[in-house]
């Protein structure tokens, strides 16, 4: 390349950086004004210009700026698309926030459903399980307001926060035998599917905000499938495939009539019991429990990887304080998503950090090495783009060339020194500058039904040794034939430990009336093939 061409390329890259910044600011204002089409058009132009500039092989510093702007523009484009979709859906359904809506008092969206199983768990939580419930309730004070606010922002009933009682008891470090982690107990596969990072540096399943965002989107996905909260909650525990197959086989969309894995049959009654207790803690004797203080913090967004020890020194706080506020950080340092690291610091420390950096203080560049396992279809350039490093430098560090080409399964070292970025303050308008930022994911809905779960008049009977269907029927004022029909039993024998569904006459009649509507839905229901369950809660309580 001639010197003149190099100058032209440099000038073009600098112009692209300025234009991309202007496009971001303009699109942000257009989004705020509700001009989603204009914002989309502005962002598309900005992204095209950045892509053209990157194709022109700019210098390493300019490439880093362009790559960062590309990520910001793409993130804002995703947010604009989400807002446009939400606005269109509100207009289509008539769910518009007019003056009447804005001034109406809040309504309870989730009402507890009661039956003998729910009352059994209420009795347990207020009896033998009381000490555990008090511990969970105390711990909830730190996160309850935060979790409720996120659920509401994601368009879900805030009362779904009570699922965390059943899942983890508000223990951020909870880990189940099936390796589900965090307050919402998500497996690595589910977490990544809904936008969380789980790697050698961070496990965002433990992050109180990010994990709640991911769980909210998962629950929203499940509700889109079932249109019914008991079925959606059961699917959160057992997987949507398990519940869909049970509906298809058993011919009912009422959760309380379905035979599911025992843990799942206990799961929803536990949630309903927790919801009932927390709605009226005085009634159940929990009004004197002293709750932990709510979580308070400032947010600091920095470009580049950050060492917690250096940040603690700059913030004049302890490393332990930072670890408590950022439980997702696995080691001493953290490389942020797409080159931006956003961390929580003690309330009041954010201003101190910002002032010091603006006055000339510096955080040292973090010399951490990332390990990357090469997957099918990846190229050295695509891997370099993910980590914002030079493909040539990546090849040199790992000895990749004609004699040793890139191969699937190869473990590459990606030293941070290749990126050459010293931590600096990030743009506060960048969506990634929030500790609650989780990138949107488009998840296919495998099926859609309109569930109609009703707990009224239903109970579960666990067969004791020596009991017969006739004896059980006599206890509940029904016939053995009724029990066989409700539970799809062909013979007359029943083993001890079997869980039987029992219905009152009124509930049986209601079920029969709903059968025709259910059969019409289920006739065309396509369900996914069985696979390993992807979700299981941590602790097990026995009434």
Protein backbone atom coordinates (compact mmCIF):
# COMPACT_ATOMS: atom_id res chain seq x y z
CA UNK A 1 0.00 0.00 0.00
CA UNK A 2 1.39 3.45 -0.90
CA UNK A 3 1.83 6.13 1.80
CA UNK A 4 -0.94 8.19 0.16
CA UNK A 5 -3.32 5.24 0.24
CA UNK A 6 -2.50 4.69 3.90
CA UNK A 7 -3.35 8.32 4.67
CA UNK A 8 -6.64 8.04 2.75
CA UNK A 9 -7.50 4.81 4.61
CA UNK A 10 -6.73 6.41 7.97
CA UNK A 11 -8.85 9.46 7.17
CA UNK A 12 -11.72 7.24 6.02
CA UNK A 13 -11.59 5.19 9.24
CA UNK A 14 -11.58 8.33 11.40
CA UNK A 15 -14.59 9.65 9.49
CA UNK A 16 -16.37 6.31 9.96
CA UNK A 17 -15.78 6.50 13.73
CA UNK A 18 -17.29 10.01 13.92
CA UNK A 19 -20.24 9.06 11.72
CA UNK A 20 -20.92 5.90 13.75
CA UNK A 21 -20.94 7.90 16.99
CA UNK A 22 -23.35 10.40 15.45
CA UNK A 23 -25.56 7.54 14.17
CA UNK A 24 -25.69 6.04 17.66
CA UNK A 25 -26.68 9.34 19.31
CA UNK A 26 -29.28 10.10 16.61
CA UNK A 27 -30.82 6.61 16.77
CA UNK A 28 -30.95 6.79 20.57
CA UNK A 29 -32.96 10.03 20.39
CA UNK A 30 -35.23 8.56 17.68
CA UNK A 31 -35.88 5.48 19.81
CA UNK A 32 -36.78 7.65 22.82
CA UNK A 33 -39.22 9.57 20.62
CA UNK A 34 -40.83 6.33 19.40
CA UNK A 35 -39.58 6.76 15.80
CA UNK A 36 -38.49 3.13 15.52
CA UNK A 37 -38.34 2.99 11.69
CA UNK A 38 -36.13 6.08 11.58
CA UNK A 39 -33.88 4.64 14.31
CA UNK A 40 -33.57 1.34 12.42
CA UNK A 41 -32.62 3.19 9.22
CA UNK A 42 -30.01 5.31 11.02
CA UNK A 43 -28.46 2.27 12.69
CA UNK A 44 -28.33 0.29 9.46
CA UNK A 45 -26.43 3.12 7.74
CA UNK A 46 -24.05 3.37 10.70
CA UNK A 47 -23.40 -0.37 10.75
CA UNK A 48 -22.77 -0.44 6.99
CA UNK A 49 -20.21 2.35 7.29
CA UNK A 50 -18.42 0.63 10.19
CA UNK A 51 -18.33 -2.66 8.27
CA UNK A 52 -16.82 -0.91 5.24
CA UNK A 53 -14.20 0.79 7.40
CA UNK A 54 -13.25 -2.51 9.09
CA UNK A 55 -12.85 -4.13 5.68
CA UNK A 56 -10.27 -1.44 4.85
CA UNK A 57 -7.75 -2.87 7.38
CA UNK A 58 -7.50 0.12 9.80
CA UNK A 59 -4.75 0.33 12.43
CA UNK A 60 -5.18 -1.62 15.68
CA UNK A 61 -6.37 1.36 17.77
CA UNK A 62 -8.98 2.46 15.21
CA UNK A 63 -10.07 -1.13 14.70
CA UNK A 64 -10.76 -1.40 18.45
CA UNK A 65 -12.91 1.77 18.34
CA UNK A 66 -14.80 0.58 15.28
CA UNK A 67 -15.42 -2.87 16.76
CA UNK A 68 -16.72 -1.30 19.97
CA UNK A 69 -19.04 1.03 18.02
CA UNK A 70 -20.23 -1.92 15.92
CA UNK A 71 -21.25 -3.79 19.09
CA UNK A 72 -23.01 -0.71 20.49
CA UNK A 73 -24.91 -0.04 17.27
CA UNK A 74 -25.94 -3.71 17.01
CA UNK A 75 -27.09 -3.72 20.64
CA UNK A 76 -29.18 -0.57 20.14
CA UNK A 77 -30.63 -2.02 16.92
CA UNK A 78 -31.75 -5.07 18.87
CA UNK A 79 -33.33 -2.84 21.54
CA UNK A 80 -35.16 -0.80 18.86
CA UNK A 81 -36.54 -3.98 17.29
CA UNK A 82 -37.76 -5.16 20.71
CA UNK A 83 -39.44 -1.80 21.45
CA UNK A 84 -41.09 -1.72 18.01
CA UNK A 85 -42.44 -5.24 18.46
CA UNK A 86 -43.76 -4.43 21.95
CA UNK A 87 -45.40 -1.24 20.66
CA UNK A 88 -47.02 -3.05 17.73
CA UNK A 89 -48.30 -5.83 19.99
CA UNK A 90 -49.77 -3.28 22.41
CA UNK A 91 -51.56 -1.53 19.55
CA UNK A 92 -52.80 -4.82 18.08
CA UNK A 93 -54.27 -6.07 21.36
CA UNK A 94 -55.52 -2.68 22.55
CA UNK A 95 -53.11 -2.83 25.50
CA UNK A 96 -52.17 0.84 25.21
CA UNK A 97 -51.01 2.83 28.26
CA UNK A 98 -53.47 5.74 28.16
CA UNK A 99 -54.16 8.21 30.99
CA UNK A 100 -56.63 5.82 32.64
CA UNK A 101 -54.02 3.05 32.74
CA UNK A 102 -51.29 5.38 34.00
CA UNK A 103 -53.40 6.48 36.96
CA UNK A 104 -55.00 3.14 37.84
CA UNK A 105 -53.91 1.42 41.10
CA UNK A 106 -51.76 -1.70 40.80
CA UNK A 107 -53.59 -5.03 40.54
CA UNK A 108 -52.43 -8.47 41.61
CA UNK A 109 -51.71 -10.48 38.46
CA UNK A 110 -51.07 -13.82 40.12
CA UNK A 111 -53.63 -15.28 42.49
CA UNK A 112 -52.70 -18.35 44.52
CA UNK A 113 -54.70 -21.48 43.68
CA UNK A 114 -55.69 -23.62 46.66
CA UNK A 115 -56.33 -27.33 47.10
CA UNK A 116 -55.30 -30.02 49.57
CA UNK A 117 -51.75 -30.17 48.16
CA UNK A 118 -51.23 -26.42 48.57
CA UNK A 119 -52.59 -26.49 52.14
CA UNK A 120 -50.23 -29.39 52.89
CA UNK A 121 -47.24 -27.24 51.91
CA UNK A 122 -48.56 -24.23 53.85
CA UNK A 123 -48.75 -26.50 56.88
CA UNK A 124 -45.18 -27.66 56.26
CA UNK A 125 -43.70 -24.16 55.82
CA UNK A 126 -45.44 -22.96 58.98
CA UNK A 127 -44.54 -26.14 60.90
CA UNK A 128 -41.55 -28.44 60.39
CA UNK A 129 -40.13 -26.27 57.62
CA UNK A 130 -40.58 -23.00 59.50
CA UNK A 131 -36.88 -22.40 60.29
CA UNK A 132 -35.93 -22.82 56.63
CA UNK A 133 -38.72 -20.53 55.45
CA UNK A 134 -37.69 -17.86 57.98
CA UNK A 135 -34.11 -18.05 56.67
CA UNK A 136 -35.31 -17.67 53.06
CA UNK A 137 -37.63 -14.81 54.01
CA UNK A 138 -34.83 -12.99 55.83
CA UNK A 139 -32.50 -13.37 52.85
CA UNK A 140 -35.21 -12.20 50.43
CA UNK A 141 -35.06 -8.69 51.86
CA UNK A 142 -31.74 -8.09 50.08
CA UNK A 143 -33.03 -8.96 46.60
CA UNK A 144 -36.85 -8.83 46.61
CA UNK A 145 -37.30 -5.25 45.36
CA UNK A 146 -34.57 -5.67 42.74
CA UNK A 147 -36.02 -8.92 41.37
CA UNK A 148 -39.59 -7.58 41.30
CA UNK A 149 -38.50 -4.47 39.39
CA UNK A 150 -36.74 -6.57 36.73
CA UNK A 151 -39.71 -8.91 36.30
CA UNK A 152 -42.02 -5.93 35.89
CA UNK A 153 -39.66 -4.32 33.36
CA UNK A 154 -39.69 -7.58 31.37
CA UNK A 155 -43.50 -7.47 31.31
CA UNK A 156 -44.13 -10.27 33.81
CA UNK A 157 -46.11 -10.44 37.08
CA UNK A 158 -43.66 -9.32 39.81
CA UNK A 159 -45.07 -12.03 42.10
CA UNK A 160 -43.12 -14.60 40.07
CA UNK A 161 -40.25 -13.54 42.35
CA UNK A 162 -41.64 -16.06 44.85
CA UNK A 163 -40.35 -18.83 42.60
CA UNK A 164 -36.90 -18.06 44.05
CA UNK A 165 -38.09 -19.29 47.47
CA UNK A 166 -38.75 -22.70 45.94
CA UNK A 167 -35.67 -22.68 43.70
CA UNK A 168 -32.83 -21.52 45.94
CA UNK A 169 -34.14 -19.74 49.02
CA UNK A 170 -32.42 -16.58 47.66
CA UNK A 171 -28.98 -18.19 47.86
CA UNK A 172 -26.98 -16.77 44.91
CA UNK A 173 -24.40 -19.56 45.18
CA UNK A 174 -26.93 -22.41 45.30
CA UNK A 175 -25.95 -25.42 43.18
CA UNK A 176 -28.10 -28.48 42.54
CA UNK A 177 -27.09 -32.09 42.00
CA UNK A 178 -27.81 -31.59 38.29
CA UNK A 179 -25.44 -28.58 38.31
CA UNK A 180 -28.11 -25.89 38.06
CA UNK A 181 -26.69 -22.71 39.61
CA UNK A 182 -27.80 -19.41 41.09
CA UNK A 183 -30.99 -17.95 42.57
CA UNK A 184 -33.07 -19.09 39.58
CA UNK A 185 -31.29 -22.46 39.26
CA UNK A 186 -30.37 -22.50 35.59
CA UNK A 187 -28.21 -25.05 33.81
CA UNK A 188 -25.33 -23.83 31.68
CA UNK A 189 -27.18 -24.69 28.44
CA UNK A 190 -30.36 -22.81 29.45
CA UNK A 191 -28.35 -19.83 30.70
CA UNK A 192 -26.44 -19.46 27.44
CA UNK A 193 -29.63 -19.92 25.43
CA UNK A 194 -31.11 -16.86 27.16
CA UNK A 195 -28.03 -14.63 26.88
CA UNK A 196 -25.91 -15.33 29.99
CA UNK A 197 -22.14 -15.85 29.92
CA UNK A 198 -20.76 -18.92 31.70
CA UNK A 199 -17.01 -19.28 31.21
CA UNK A 200 -13.70 -19.38 33.04
CA UNK A 201 -14.06 -15.75 34.19
CA UNK A 202 -17.75 -15.26 34.97
CA UNK A 203 -20.83 -17.31 35.81
CA UNK A 204 -23.71 -14.92 35.25
CA UNK A 205 -26.18 -17.45 36.64
CA UNK A 206 -25.05 -16.12 40.05
CA UNK A 207 -25.58 -12.48 39.11
CA UNK A 208 -28.74 -11.20 40.87
CA UNK A 209 -29.79 -8.94 37.98
CA UNK A 210 -28.65 -10.78 34.85
CA UNK A 211 -29.95 -14.15 36.07
CA UNK A 212 -33.34 -12.58 36.82
CA UNK A 213 -33.50 -11.06 33.33
CA UNK A 214 -32.68 -14.46 31.77
CA UNK A 215 -35.19 -16.28 34.01
CA UNK A 216 -37.86 -13.69 33.17
CA UNK A 217 -37.33 -14.24 29.44
CA UNK A 218 -37.43 -17.99 29.93
CA UNK A 219 -40.71 -17.72 31.87
CA UNK A 220 -42.10 -15.39 29.20
CA UNK A 221 -41.18 -17.99 26.57
CA UNK A 222 -42.93 -20.73 28.56
CA UNK A 223 -46.06 -18.63 29.08
CA UNK A 224 -46.16 -17.99 25.32
CA UNK A 225 -46.33 -21.77 24.87
CA UNK A 226 -48.90 -22.65 27.54
CA UNK A 227 -50.90 -19.44 28.18
CA UNK A 228 -51.25 -20.60 31.80
CA UNK A 229 -48.97 -19.95 34.78
CA UNK A 230 -49.21 -23.33 36.59
CA UNK A 231 -48.23 -25.10 33.34
CA UNK A 232 -45.47 -22.56 32.63
CA UNK A 233 -44.05 -22.97 36.16
CA UNK A 234 -44.17 -26.75 35.88
CA UNK A 235 -42.24 -26.45 32.60
CA UNK A 236 -39.63 -24.24 34.27
CA UNK A 237 -38.96 -27.17 36.59
CA UNK A 238 -39.33 -30.16 34.25
CA UNK A 239 -38.87 -28.65 30.78
CA UNK A 240 -41.54 -27.71 28.26
CA UNK A 241 -41.11 -30.99 26.38
CA UNK A 242 -41.99 -33.04 29.46
CA UNK A 243 -45.16 -31.05 30.10
CA UNK A 244 -46.22 -30.94 26.44
CA UNK A 245 -45.83 -34.72 26.15
CA UNK A 246 -47.89 -35.21 29.32
CA UNK A 247 -50.65 -32.98 27.93
CA UNK A 248 -50.63 -34.83 24.61
CA UNK A 249 -50.76 -38.26 26.25
CA UNK A 250 -53.20 -37.49 29.07
CA UNK A 251 -55.55 -35.18 27.16
CA UNK A 252 -55.83 -32.27 29.59
CA UNK A 253 -54.42 -28.74 29.83
CA UNK A 254 -55.13 -28.50 33.57
CA UNK A 255 -51.84 -28.77 35.48
CA UNK A 256 -53.63 -30.16 38.55
CA UNK A 257 -54.96 -33.14 36.55
CA UNK A 258 -51.64 -34.04 34.94
CA UNK A 259 -49.38 -36.87 36.08
CA UNK A 260 -45.84 -35.43 36.05
CA UNK A 261 -42.53 -36.28 37.74
CA UNK A 262 -43.02 -36.17 41.50
CA UNK A 263 -40.74 -33.17 41.95
CA UNK A 264 -42.81 -31.20 39.43
CA UNK A 265 -46.10 -32.24 41.04
CA UNK A 266 -44.79 -30.75 44.30
CA UNK A 267 -43.22 -27.70 42.64
CA UNK A 268 -46.32 -25.65 41.76
CA UNK A 269 -48.13 -26.36 45.08
CA UNK A 270 -44.98 -25.13 46.87
CA UNK A 271 -45.01 -21.93 44.83
CA UNK A 272 -48.71 -21.38 45.58
CA UNK A 273 -48.07 -21.97 49.29
CA UNK A 274 -45.19 -19.48 49.32
CA UNK A 275 -47.31 -16.92 47.46
CA UNK A 276 -50.15 -17.31 49.97
CA UNK A 277 -47.84 -16.94 52.98
CA UNK A 278 -45.94 -13.90 51.69
CA UNK A 279 -49.20 -12.16 50.74
CA UNK A 280 -50.27 -12.30 54.40
CA UNK A 281 -47.19 -13.01 56.60
CA UNK A 282 -48.99 -11.87 59.76
CA UNK A 283 -51.69 -14.51 59.30
CA UNK A 284 -49.05 -17.25 59.20
CA UNK A 285 -46.82 -15.85 61.96
CA UNK A 286 -43.94 -14.48 59.87
CA UNK A 287 -44.55 -10.76 60.44
CA UNK A 288 -41.73 -10.53 63.02
CA UNK A 289 -38.98 -11.84 60.71
CA UNK A 290 -36.29 -9.16 60.31
CA UNK A 291 -35.43 -8.89 56.61
CA UNK A 292 -31.92 -8.20 55.31
CA UNK A 293 -31.24 -4.68 54.07
CA UNK A 294 -31.96 -4.16 50.35
CA UNK A 295 -29.03 -4.34 47.95
CA UNK A 296 -27.63 -0.87 47.19
CA UNK A 297 -24.86 -0.07 44.72
CA UNK A 298 -23.48 2.18 42.01
CA UNK A 299 -22.63 0.98 38.51
CA UNK A 300 -19.26 1.56 36.83
CA UNK A 301 -18.85 0.79 33.12
CA UNK A 302 -15.31 0.48 31.76
CA UNK A 303 -13.83 -0.40 28.39
CA UNK A 304 -11.52 -3.39 28.69
CA UNK A 305 -10.93 -6.08 31.29
CA UNK A 306 -10.81 -5.03 34.96
CA UNK A 307 -8.88 -6.41 37.93
CA UNK A 308 -11.02 -6.30 41.08
CA UNK A 309 -7.97 -5.57 43.25
CA UNK A 310 -7.07 -2.46 41.23
CA UNK A 311 -10.68 -1.29 41.16
CA UNK A 312 -11.01 -1.76 44.93
CA UNK A 313 -7.90 0.35 45.47
CA UNK A 314 -9.26 3.12 43.24
CA UNK A 315 -12.71 2.95 44.90
CA UNK A 316 -11.23 2.92 48.42
CA UNK A 317 -13.13 -0.23 49.37
CA UNK A 318 -12.23 -3.89 49.95
CA UNK A 319 -12.03 -6.59 47.31
CA UNK A 320 -14.48 -8.61 49.41
CA UNK A 321 -17.09 -5.83 49.09
CA UNK A 322 -16.72 -5.97 45.30
CA UNK A 323 -17.02 -9.77 45.32
CA UNK A 324 -20.22 -9.63 47.36
CA UNK A 325 -21.74 -7.14 44.93
CA UNK A 326 -20.48 -9.05 41.87
CA UNK A 327 -20.95 -12.76 42.71
CA UNK A 328 -20.73 -13.72 39.02
CA UNK A 329 -17.00 -12.94 38.94
CA UNK A 330 -15.17 -16.26 39.28
CA UNK A 331 -11.57 -15.03 39.58
CA UNK A 332 -9.71 -11.83 40.43
CA UNK A 333 -10.46 -10.19 37.08
CA UNK A 334 -13.27 -9.99 34.55
CA UNK A 335 -13.34 -9.30 30.79
CA UNK A 336 -16.68 -7.72 29.95
CA UNK A 337 -19.15 -8.61 27.22
CA UNK A 338 -18.04 -7.19 23.84
CA UNK A 339 -15.19 -5.25 25.44
CA UNK A 340 -17.25 -3.38 28.08
CA UNK A 341 -16.99 -4.42 31.74
CA UNK A 342 -19.80 -3.17 34.00
CA UNK A 343 -19.45 -3.78 37.73
CA UNK A 344 -21.31 -2.89 40.91
CA UNK A 345 -19.45 -0.89 43.52
CA UNK A 346 -20.61 0.24 47.01
CA UNK A 347 -23.07 3.13 47.00
CA UNK A 348 -21.15 6.42 46.63
CA UNK A 349 -18.00 4.81 45.22
CA UNK A 350 -19.05 5.16 41.59
CA UNK A 351 -18.65 8.92 41.77
CA UNK A 352 -15.19 8.52 43.34
CA UNK A 353 -14.01 6.16 40.59
CA UNK A 354 -15.37 8.39 37.81
CA UNK A 355 -13.79 11.53 39.26
CA UNK A 356 -10.37 9.91 39.70
CA UNK A 357 -10.33 8.52 36.17
CA UNK A 358 -11.37 11.88 34.75
CA UNK A 359 -8.60 13.56 36.74
CA UNK A 360 -5.96 11.29 35.20
CA UNK A 361 -5.87 8.18 37.39
CA UNK A 362 -5.33 4.90 35.53
CA UNK A 363 -6.35 1.30 36.02
CA UNK A 364 -3.63 -1.12 34.88
CA UNK A 365 -4.21 -3.26 31.81
CA UNK A 366 -5.18 -6.76 32.89
CA UNK A 367 -2.86 -9.45 31.57
CA UNK A 368 -5.28 -12.35 31.46
CA UNK A 369 -5.33 -15.15 28.95
CA UNK A 370 -8.59 -16.52 27.61
CA UNK A 371 -8.80 -20.11 26.38
CA UNK A 372 -10.97 -20.73 23.33
CA UNK A 373 -11.96 -24.18 22.07
CA UNK A 374 -12.35 -24.06 18.26
CA UNK A 375 -15.82 -25.08 17.09
CA UNK A 376 -17.03 -26.35 13.73
CA UNK A 377 -17.05 -23.67 11.03
CA UNK A 378 -14.99 -21.09 12.93
CA UNK A 379 -12.12 -19.25 11.28
CA UNK A 380 -9.15 -17.53 12.86
CA UNK A 381 -10.57 -14.18 11.75
CA UNK A 382 -14.03 -14.87 13.24
CA UNK A 383 -12.43 -15.89 16.57
CA UNK A 384 -10.24 -12.78 16.54
CA UNK A 385 -13.33 -10.61 15.93
CA UNK A 386 -15.09 -12.12 18.97
CA UNK A 387 -12.20 -11.16 21.26
CA UNK A 388 -11.39 -7.87 19.47
CA UNK A 389 -7.82 -8.90 18.69
CA UNK A 390 -5.67 -9.14 15.58
CA UNK A 391 -6.07 -12.39 13.60
CA UNK A 392 -2.37 -12.20 12.65
CA UNK A 393 -1.39 -11.79 16.31
CA UNK A 394 -3.65 -14.68 17.31
CA UNK A 395 -2.04 -16.89 14.66
CA UNK A 396 1.46 -15.90 15.81
CA UNK A 397 0.79 -16.60 19.51
CA UNK A 398 -0.68 -20.04 18.75
CA UNK A 399 1.71 -21.05 15.96
CA UNK A 400 -1.02 -21.28 13.31
CA UNK A 401 0.11 -21.32 9.69
CA UNK A 402 0.29 -23.40 6.50
CA UNK A 403 2.11 -26.21 8.28
CA UNK A 404 -0.18 -26.11 11.33
CA UNK A 405 -3.66 -25.03 10.19
CA UNK A 406 -6.61 -24.29 12.48
CA UNK A 407 -8.47 -27.45 13.44
CA UNK A 408 -11.76 -28.12 15.20
CA UNK A 409 -11.23 -28.87 18.90
CA UNK A 410 -7.93 -26.97 19.07
CA UNK A 411 -7.46 -24.93 22.29
CA UNK A 412 -6.26 -21.41 21.49
CA UNK A 413 -4.69 -18.90 23.87
CA UNK A 414 -5.98 -15.35 23.52
CA UNK A 415 -3.71 -13.07 25.59
CA UNK A 416 -5.28 -9.77 26.57
CA UNK A 417 -2.02 -8.09 25.51
CA UNK A 418 -3.12 -8.59 21.89
CA UNK A 419 -6.08 -6.32 22.44
CA UNK A 420 -3.90 -3.58 23.90
CA UNK A 421 -6.69 -1.89 25.85
CA UNK A 422 -6.24 -0.12 29.18
CA UNK A 423 -9.48 0.16 31.22
CA UNK A 424 -11.20 3.50 30.66
CA UNK A 425 -14.67 4.90 31.29
CA UNK A 426 -17.32 3.66 28.83
CA UNK A 427 -20.18 5.69 27.39
CA UNK A 428 -22.98 5.81 29.95
CA UNK A 429 -25.61 5.64 27.18
CA UNK A 430 -24.28 2.27 25.98
CA UNK A 431 -26.86 -0.48 26.84
CA UNK A 432 -23.96 -2.60 28.13
CA UNK A 433 -23.24 0.06 30.77
CA UNK A 434 -26.02 -1.45 32.91
CA UNK A 435 -25.30 -4.34 35.28
CA UNK A 436 -28.67 -5.78 34.21
CA UNK A 437 -27.78 -5.89 30.49
CA UNK A 438 -28.45 -9.25 28.84
CA UNK A 439 -28.53 -9.47 25.01
CA UNK A 440 -31.88 -10.45 23.55
CA UNK A 441 -32.26 -13.91 22.05
CA UNK A 442 -34.87 -15.11 19.56
CA UNK A 443 -36.19 -18.47 20.78
CA UNK A 444 -38.53 -20.55 18.66
CA UNK A 445 -41.85 -21.45 20.29
CA UNK A 446 -42.35 -25.21 19.69
CA UNK A 447 -46.12 -25.14 20.28
CA UNK A 448 -48.92 -22.92 21.55
CA UNK A 449 -51.94 -23.89 23.62
CA UNK A 450 -54.36 -22.13 25.93
CA UNK A 451 -54.06 -23.90 29.28
CA UNK A 452 -56.89 -23.80 31.83
CA UNK A 453 -55.49 -24.83 35.21
CA UNK A 454 -57.86 -24.93 38.16
CA UNK A 455 -56.93 -26.41 41.54
CA UNK A 456 -60.44 -26.38 42.99
CA UNK A 457 -61.74 -29.76 44.11
CA UNK A 458 -58.48 -31.58 43.46
CA UNK A 459 -56.09 -33.45 45.74
CA UNK A 460 -53.29 -36.01 45.57
CA UNK A 461 -53.40 -39.25 47.55
CA UNK A 462 -50.22 -41.26 48.13
CA UNK A 463 -51.10 -44.95 48.38
CA UNK A 464 -50.09 -46.50 51.70
CA UNK A 465 -49.12 -50.13 52.17
CA UNK A 466 -52.19 -52.40 52.22
CA UNK A 467 -54.58 -49.84 50.69
CA UNK A 468 -56.83 -50.79 47.76
CA UNK A 469 -58.66 -48.64 45.26
CA UNK A 470 -61.97 -49.51 46.94
CA UNK A 471 -60.70 -48.35 50.36
CA UNK A 472 -59.29 -45.14 48.90
CA UNK A 473 -62.52 -44.47 47.01
CA UNK A 474 -64.49 -44.90 50.22
CA UNK A 475 -62.34 -42.24 51.93
CA UNK A 476 -63.11 -39.67 49.24
CA UNK A 477 -66.72 -40.53 48.50
CA UNK A 478 -66.13 -41.68 44.95
CA UNK A 479 -65.83 -45.04 43.18
CA UNK A 480 -62.80 -47.14 42.26
CA UNK A 481 -63.82 -46.70 38.61
CA UNK A 482 -63.59 -42.91 39.06
CA UNK A 483 -60.04 -43.20 40.43
CA UNK A 484 -59.03 -45.49 37.57
CA UNK A 485 -60.44 -43.00 35.05
CA UNK A 486 -58.82 -39.97 36.65
CA UNK A 487 -55.43 -41.70 36.81
CA UNK A 488 -55.52 -43.75 33.57
CA UNK A 489 -55.28 -47.05 35.51
CA UNK A 490 -56.40 -50.16 33.62
CA UNK A 491 -56.22 -52.85 36.31
CA UNK A 492 -57.56 -53.03 39.86
CA UNK A 493 -54.20 -53.29 41.66
CA UNK A 494 -52.23 -50.24 42.79
CA UNK A 495 -48.75 -50.19 44.32
CA UNK A 496 -47.97 -48.42 47.57
CA UNK A 497 -46.26 -45.03 47.01
CA UNK A 498 -48.34 -44.35 43.88
CA UNK A 499 -49.64 -40.77 43.69
CA UNK A 500 -53.31 -40.71 42.72
CA UNK A 501 -55.30 -37.70 41.51
CA UNK A 502 -58.62 -37.34 43.36
CA UNK A 503 -61.45 -35.07 42.17
CA UNK A 504 -64.71 -34.00 43.79
CA UNK A 505 -67.94 -34.43 41.81
CA UNK A 506 -67.96 -30.75 40.85
CA UNK A 507 -64.33 -30.87 39.67
CA UNK A 508 -65.01 -34.05 37.71
CA UNK A 509 -67.95 -32.46 35.95
CA UNK A 510 -65.88 -29.36 35.11
CA UNK A 511 -63.10 -31.58 33.76
CA UNK A 512 -65.54 -33.45 31.54
CA UNK A 513 -66.91 -30.16 30.16
CA UNK A 514 -63.38 -28.93 29.40
CA UNK A 515 -62.42 -32.21 27.71
CA UNK A 516 -63.87 -31.31 24.31
CA UNK A 517 -62.07 -27.95 24.19
CA UNK A 518 -58.82 -29.61 25.29
CA UNK A 519 -59.12 -32.39 22.73
CA UNK A 520 -59.49 -29.83 19.93
CA UNK A 521 -56.26 -28.13 21.01
CA UNK A 522 -54.34 -31.34 21.63
CA UNK A 523 -55.33 -33.00 18.34
CA UNK A 524 -52.94 -30.75 16.39
CA UNK A 525 -50.31 -30.43 19.11
CA UNK A 526 -46.80 -31.30 17.93
CA UNK A 527 -44.44 -31.98 20.81
CA UNK A 528 -40.64 -32.28 20.84
CA UNK A 529 -39.00 -35.67 21.32
CA UNK A 530 -37.94 -36.64 24.83
CA UNK A 531 -34.48 -35.52 25.94
CA UNK A 532 -32.56 -34.96 29.14
CA UNK A 533 -34.28 -32.62 31.59
CA UNK A 534 -32.53 -29.27 31.63
CA UNK A 535 -33.66 -27.82 34.92
CA UNK A 536 -33.85 -28.93 38.51
CA UNK A 537 -34.08 -26.97 41.71
CA UNK A 538 -31.48 -27.10 44.45
CA UNK A 539 -33.05 -27.94 47.79
CA UNK A 540 -35.72 -30.45 48.53
CA UNK A 541 -38.33 -29.90 51.21
CA UNK A 542 -40.58 -32.70 52.41
CA UNK A 543 -43.91 -31.95 54.12
